[in-house]
Amino acid sequence: MAIIITDECINCGACEPECPNTAIYEGGVEWTWAGGTALTEIELEDGSSMDAKTPVEPVSEEFYYIVPDKCTECTGFHEEPQCAAVCPVDCCVPDPDHEEDNETLLAKKAWLHAE
């Protein structure tokens, strides 16, 4: 399951540098698949593809946010999600809309980092 940042976020930014996948971004900031990964091209659901360096619209305009498709809950890197470990207000919590088992998270990590 991916982690989500709730609206209780105080925008301190402590979580962003802790993410091994660069899945955390400041509110209003565009993100890319390539940032912090080995990805160069992404195949989209409709069968088309895009350059992994192409900017994507922010998930949130107000608060720091986590891109669920880049979040591995730090599986394969750390014992626990580092964003949650450093968050001073405990607003990094499991996202019930993106539940994934350990095997899926490890496969996502391998895909993101070309392992």
Protein backbone atom coordinates (compact mmCIF):
# COMPACT_ATOMS: atom_id res chain seq x y z
CA MET A 1 0.00 0.00 0.00
CA ALA A 2 1.29 3.46 -0.75
CA ILE A 3 1.56 6.16 1.87
CA ILE A 4 -0.54 9.32 1.67
CA ILE A 5 0.05 12.71 3.28
CA THR A 6 -3.10 13.96 4.98
CA ASP A 7 -4.31 17.56 5.10
CA GLU A 8 -2.86 17.80 8.60
CA CYS A 9 0.51 18.38 6.88
CA ILE A 10 2.29 21.51 8.13
CA ASN A 11 4.49 21.69 5.00
CA CYS A 12 7.71 21.31 6.99
CA GLY A 13 9.37 19.29 4.19
CA ALA A 14 11.00 16.75 6.53
CA CYS A 15 9.63 13.85 4.49
CA GLU A 16 10.81 14.84 1.02
CA PRO A 17 14.55 14.10 1.30
CA GLU A 18 13.87 10.80 3.09
CA CYS A 19 12.11 9.14 0.13
CA PRO A 20 14.38 6.67 -1.71
CA ASN A 21 12.13 6.83 -4.79
CA THR A 22 11.71 10.61 -4.91
CA ALA A 23 7.95 10.07 -4.68
CA ILE A 24 7.33 13.06 -2.39
CA TYR A 25 6.88 16.57 -3.76
CA GLU A 26 6.00 19.98 -2.40
CA GLY A 27 2.43 21.08 -3.04
CA GLY A 28 2.00 22.75 -6.41
CA VAL A 29 5.25 21.32 -7.80
CA GLU A 30 5.11 19.14 -10.92
CA TRP A 31 6.70 15.69 -10.68
CA THR A 32 8.41 13.31 -13.10
CA TRP A 33 8.74 9.55 -13.30
CA ALA A 34 12.49 9.94 -13.91
CA GLY A 35 13.15 11.88 -10.71
CA GLY A 36 15.00 9.55 -8.35
CA THR A 37 14.49 6.48 -10.55
CA ALA A 38 16.13 4.72 -13.48
CA LEU A 39 13.04 5.14 -15.68
CA THR A 40 13.48 6.71 -19.10
CA GLU A 41 10.09 5.98 -20.69
CA ILE A 42 6.68 5.12 -19.26
CA GLU A 43 3.99 3.07 -20.95
CA LEU A 44 0.59 4.60 -20.24
CA GLU A 45 -2.65 2.69 -19.68
CA ASP A 46 -3.88 3.55 -23.18
CA GLY A 47 -0.82 1.86 -24.72
CA SER A 48 0.98 5.08 -25.60
CA SER A 49 4.24 6.07 -23.97
CA MET A 50 5.85 9.21 -22.60
CA ASP A 51 9.35 10.35 -21.75
CA ALA A 52 9.92 9.79 -18.03
CA LYS A 53 11.30 13.33 -17.76
CA THR A 54 7.98 14.86 -18.86
CA PRO A 55 6.51 16.97 -16.05
CA VAL A 56 3.21 15.71 -14.59
CA GLU A 57 0.58 17.84 -12.84
CA PRO A 58 0.88 18.02 -9.03
CA VAL A 59 -1.28 15.65 -6.99
CA SER A 60 -1.88 18.47 -4.49
CA GLU A 61 -1.63 22.23 -4.79
CA GLU A 62 -1.62 22.89 -1.03
CA PHE A 63 0.37 20.23 0.78
CA TYR A 64 3.32 17.94 0.22
CA TYR A 65 2.11 14.86 -1.62
CA ILE A 66 3.23 11.34 -2.50
CA VAL A 67 2.91 9.91 -6.01
CA PRO A 68 1.34 6.51 -5.24
CA ASP A 69 2.82 4.78 -8.29
CA LYS A 70 6.34 5.71 -7.12
CA CYS A 71 5.79 4.86 -3.44
CA THR A 72 7.11 1.50 -2.24
CA GLU A 73 6.66 2.24 1.48
CA CYS A 74 10.49 2.08 1.55
CA THR A 75 10.23 -1.70 1.05
CA GLY A 76 13.66 -3.04 0.15
CA PHE A 77 15.31 0.10 1.53
CA HIS A 78 14.21 0.47 5.16
CA GLU A 79 12.20 -1.38 7.83
CA GLU A 80 9.47 1.30 7.84
CA PRO A 81 8.35 4.18 5.62
CA GLN A 82 10.85 6.96 6.29
CA CYS A 83 8.35 9.75 5.61
CA ALA A 84 6.19 8.47 8.47
CA ALA A 85 9.23 8.02 10.72
CA VAL A 86 10.31 11.68 10.40
CA CYS A 87 6.90 13.38 10.19
CA PRO A 88 6.42 15.61 13.25
CA VAL A 89 2.61 15.59 12.99
CA ASP A 90 2.06 11.95 11.94
CA CYS A 91 0.33 12.85 8.68
CA CYS A 92 2.08 10.19 6.53
CA VAL A 93 -0.30 7.25 6.77
CA PRO A 94 -1.20 4.16 4.70
CA ASP A 95 -3.37 5.01 1.69
CA PRO A 96 -6.40 2.66 1.68
CA ASP A 97 -6.94 3.41 -2.03
CA HIS A 98 -3.53 1.94 -2.96
CA GLU A 99 -3.11 -1.34 -1.09
CA GLU A 100 -0.19 -3.51 -2.24
CA ASP A 101 1.47 -6.57 -0.72
CA ASN A 102 5.19 -6.89 -0.01
CA GLU A 103 5.84 -8.81 -3.25
CA THR A 104 4.17 -6.07 -5.32
CA LEU A 105 6.13 -3.35 -3.51
CA LEU A 106 9.43 -5.16 -4.16
CA ALA A 107 8.52 -5.57 -7.84
CA LYS A 108 7.71 -1.85 -8.04
CA LYS A 109 11.08 -1.02 -6.47
CA ALA A 110 12.85 -3.25 -9.01
CA TRP A 111 10.96 -1.58 -11.87
CA LEU A 112 11.67 1.95 -10.64
CA HIS A 113 15.37 1.30 -10.17
CA ALA A 114 16.02 -1.13 -13.08
CA GLU A 115 17.07 -3.95 -10.77
